[in-house]
Amino acid sequence: MFATPAFAATGAASTGGAAGFFVSIAPLLLIFVIFYFLLIRPQQRRMKQHQAMIQAVKKNDTVVTGGGLVGKVTKVDEAEVEVEIAHGVRVKALKSTLSDVRPHGAKPAND
């Protein structure tokens, strides 16, 4: 009652299987290449620039921490910086938590 006809595979259909596989994989590869050039590569470039900016931090630079604190660097160690956030108030912050470094000579536009 529920019998389905069985079709025999021909020799020509079995040789086209490899080409069909590559044709079906090609859109996935194209999507990966597009993602690499539009998303992954720019993100890696930004990470390298951020790491270079953090490694170049020096005394008297203005920094912004990940928590949003803005202050002046008073001391730089290998992994930490000491940031003065108010007159006489100094805190230690990890270099990895710094989100922005403004060089000493940079002034805001609205001064």
C-alpha atoms as a PDB file:
ATOM      1  CA  MET A   1       0.000   0.000   0.000  1.00  0.00           C
ATOM      2  CA  PHE A   2       2.789   2.451   0.834  1.00  0.00           C
ATOM      3  CA  ALA A   3       5.294   1.095  -1.640  1.00  0.00           C
ATOM      4  CA  THR A   4       7.468   3.617  -3.484  1.00  0.00           C
ATOM      5  CA  PRO A   5       9.211   2.868  -6.722  1.00  0.00           C
ATOM      6  CA  ALA A   6      12.971   2.386  -6.429  1.00  0.00           C
ATOM      7  CA  PHE A   7      15.098   4.113  -9.020  1.00  0.00           C
ATOM      8  CA  ALA A   8      18.482   2.743  -9.904  1.00  0.00           C
ATOM      9  CA  ALA A   9      21.418   5.156  -9.833  1.00  0.00           C
ATOM     10  CA  THR A  10      23.143   5.449 -13.132  1.00  0.00           C
ATOM     11  CA  GLY A  11      26.895   5.745 -13.555  1.00  0.00           C
ATOM     12  CA  ALA A  12      26.612   9.325 -14.910  1.00  0.00           C
ATOM     13  CA  ALA A  13      24.779  10.572 -11.826  1.00  0.00           C
ATOM     14  CA  SER A  14      27.372   9.170  -9.430  1.00  0.00           C
ATOM     15  CA  THR A  15      30.299  10.934 -11.189  1.00  0.00           C
ATOM     16  CA  GLY A  16      28.549  14.329 -10.978  1.00  0.00           C
ATOM     17  CA  GLY A  17      28.289  14.023  -7.189  1.00  0.00           C
ATOM     18  CA  ALA A  18      31.723  15.554  -6.521  1.00  0.00           C
ATOM     19  CA  ALA A  19      31.017  18.533  -8.756  1.00  0.00           C
ATOM     20  CA  GLY A  20      27.612  18.967  -7.119  1.00  0.00           C
ATOM     21  CA  PHE A  21      29.268  18.958  -3.696  1.00  0.00           C
ATOM     22  CA  PHE A  22      31.653  21.767  -4.646  1.00  0.00           C
ATOM     23  CA  VAL A  23      28.838  23.780  -6.205  1.00  0.00           C
ATOM     24  CA  SER A  24      26.833  23.482  -2.991  1.00  0.00           C
ATOM     25  CA  ILE A  25      29.863  24.447  -0.836  1.00  0.00           C
ATOM     26  CA  ALA A  26      30.841  27.490  -2.962  1.00  0.00           C
ATOM     27  CA  PRO A  27      28.214  29.882  -1.453  1.00  0.00           C
ATOM     28  CA  LEU A  28      29.358  28.981   2.061  1.00  0.00           C
ATOM     29  CA  LEU A  29      32.966  29.695   1.172  1.00  0.00           C
ATOM     30  CA  LEU A  30      31.969  32.983  -0.432  1.00  0.00           C
ATOM     31  CA  ILE A  31      30.073  33.996   2.719  1.00  0.00           C
ATOM     32  CA  PHE A  32      33.102  33.146   4.878  1.00  0.00           C
ATOM     33  CA  VAL A  33      35.398  35.250   2.672  1.00  0.00           C
ATOM     34  CA  ILE A  34      32.988  38.193   2.855  1.00  0.00           C
ATOM     35  CA  PHE A  35      32.764  37.901   6.649  1.00  0.00           C
ATOM     36  CA  TYR A  36      36.555  37.732   6.895  1.00  0.00           C
ATOM     37  CA  PHE A  37      37.136  40.927   4.922  1.00  0.00           C
ATOM     38  CA  LEU A  38      34.189  42.896   6.334  1.00  0.00           C
ATOM     39  CA  LEU A  39      34.154  41.799   9.984  1.00  0.00           C
ATOM     40  CA  ILE A  40      37.118  39.759  11.180  1.00  0.00           C
ATOM     41  CA  ARG A  41      39.999  41.648   9.572  1.00  0.00           C
ATOM     42  CA  PRO A  42      38.898  45.166  10.635  1.00  0.00           C
ATOM     43  CA  GLN A  43      38.287  43.909  14.184  1.00  0.00           C
ATOM     44  CA  GLN A  44      41.810  42.439  14.347  1.00  0.00           C
ATOM     45  CA  ARG A  45      43.235  45.745  13.098  1.00  0.00           C
ATOM     46  CA  ARG A  46      41.329  47.671  15.790  1.00  0.00           C
ATOM     47  CA  MET A  47      42.590  45.255  18.458  1.00  0.00           C
ATOM     48  CA  LYS A  48      46.197  45.756  17.346  1.00  0.00           C
ATOM     49  CA  GLN A  49      45.792  49.545  17.394  1.00  0.00           C
ATOM     50  CA  HIS A  50      44.232  49.395  20.865  1.00  0.00           C
ATOM     51  CA  GLN A  51      47.050  47.194  22.194  1.00  0.00           C
ATOM     52  CA  ALA A  52      49.655  49.584  20.758  1.00  0.00           C
ATOM     53  CA  MET A  53      47.833  52.544  22.309  1.00  0.00           C
ATOM     54  CA  ILE A  54      47.765  50.862  25.728  1.00  0.00           C
ATOM     55  CA  GLN A  55      51.445  49.904  25.560  1.00  0.00           C
ATOM     56  CA  ALA A  56      52.367  53.512  24.643  1.00  0.00           C
ATOM     57  CA  VAL A  57      50.635  55.089  27.659  1.00  0.00           C
ATOM     58  CA  LYS A  58      52.963  57.351  29.641  1.00  0.00           C
ATOM     59  CA  LYS A  59      52.889  59.787  32.547  1.00  0.00           C
ATOM     60  CA  ASN A  60      50.607  62.855  32.168  1.00  0.00           C
ATOM     61  CA  ASP A  61      48.436  61.203  29.492  1.00  0.00           C
ATOM     62  CA  THR A  62      44.682  61.432  29.992  1.00  0.00           C
ATOM     63  CA  VAL A  63      43.019  58.017  30.035  1.00  0.00           C
ATOM     64  CA  VAL A  64      39.483  56.694  30.081  1.00  0.00           C
ATOM     65  CA  THR A  65      38.923  53.424  31.931  1.00  0.00           C
ATOM     66  CA  GLY A  66      36.420  50.763  31.002  1.00  0.00           C
ATOM     67  CA  GLY A  67      34.192  51.981  33.834  1.00  0.00           C
ATOM     68  CA  GLY A  68      34.118  55.484  32.400  1.00  0.00           C
ATOM     69  CA  LEU A  69      36.536  57.189  34.783  1.00  0.00           C
ATOM     70  CA  VAL A  70      38.626  59.921  33.190  1.00  0.00           C
ATOM     71  CA  GLY A  71      41.906  60.899  34.781  1.00  0.00           C
ATOM     72  CA  LYS A  72      45.565  61.755  34.375  1.00  0.00           C
ATOM     73  CA  VAL A  73      48.221  59.062  34.525  1.00  0.00           C
ATOM     74  CA  THR A  74      50.697  59.654  37.349  1.00  0.00           C
ATOM     75  CA  LYS A  75      52.617  56.365  37.317  1.00  0.00           C
ATOM     76  CA  VAL A  76      53.013  53.560  34.785  1.00  0.00           C
ATOM     77  CA  ASP A  77      53.972  49.977  35.659  1.00  0.00           C
ATOM     78  CA  GLU A  78      54.169  46.905  33.475  1.00  0.00           C
ATOM     79  CA  ALA A  79      50.529  45.857  33.885  1.00  0.00           C
ATOM     80  CA  GLU A  80      49.033  48.732  35.890  1.00  0.00           C
ATOM     81  CA  VAL A  81      48.729  52.504  35.770  1.00  0.00           C
ATOM     82  CA  GLU A  82      48.042  54.935  38.566  1.00  0.00           C
ATOM     83  CA  VAL A  83      45.350  57.402  37.556  1.00  0.00           C
ATOM     84  CA  GLU A  84      44.565  60.664  39.339  1.00  0.00           C
ATOM     85  CA  ILE A  85      40.802  61.102  38.977  1.00  0.00           C
ATOM     86  CA  ALA A  86      40.552  64.187  41.241  1.00  0.00           C
ATOM     87  CA  HIS A  87      43.051  66.393  43.027  1.00  0.00           C
ATOM     88  CA  GLY A  88      44.830  64.060  45.446  1.00  0.00           C
ATOM     89  CA  VAL A  89      42.664  61.028  44.588  1.00  0.00           C
ATOM     90  CA  ARG A  90      44.685  58.316  42.884  1.00  0.00           C
ATOM     91  CA  VAL A  91      43.525  54.858  41.875  1.00  0.00           C
ATOM     92  CA  LYS A  92      45.305  51.934  40.288  1.00  0.00           C
ATOM     93  CA  ALA A  93      43.865  50.489  37.104  1.00  0.00           C
ATOM     94  CA  LEU A  94      44.928  47.593  34.944  1.00  0.00           C
ATOM     95  CA  LYS A  95      46.244  48.616  31.554  1.00  0.00           C
ATOM     96  CA  SER A  96      43.920  46.106  29.944  1.00  0.00           C
ATOM     97  CA  THR A  97      40.878  48.017  31.280  1.00  0.00           C
ATOM     98  CA  LEU A  98      41.846  51.282  29.584  1.00  0.00           C
ATOM     99  CA  SER A  99      39.511  52.089  26.731  1.00  0.00           C
ATOM    100  CA  ASP A 100      41.084  55.325  25.481  1.00  0.00           C
ATOM    101  CA  VAL A 101      44.401  57.143  25.838  1.00  0.00           C
ATOM    102  CA  ARG A 102      44.660  60.823  24.994  1.00  0.00           C
ATOM    103  CA  PRO A 103      48.187  62.194  24.694  1.00  0.00           C
ATOM    104  CA  HIS A 104      49.303  64.925  27.104  1.00  0.00           C
ATOM    105  CA  GLY A 105      49.088  67.774  24.566  1.00  0.00           C
ATOM    106  CA  ALA A 106      45.595  66.941  23.284  1.00  0.00           C
ATOM    107  CA  LYS A 107      42.928  69.420  24.385  1.00  0.00           C
ATOM    108  CA  PRO A 108      39.167  69.022  24.040  1.00  0.00           C
ATOM    109  CA  ALA A 109      37.532  71.149  21.323  1.00  0.00           C
ATOM    110  CA  ASN A 110      35.200  73.016  23.692  1.00  0.00           C
ATOM    111  CA  ASP A 111      37.821  74.631  25.979  1.00  0.00           C
END
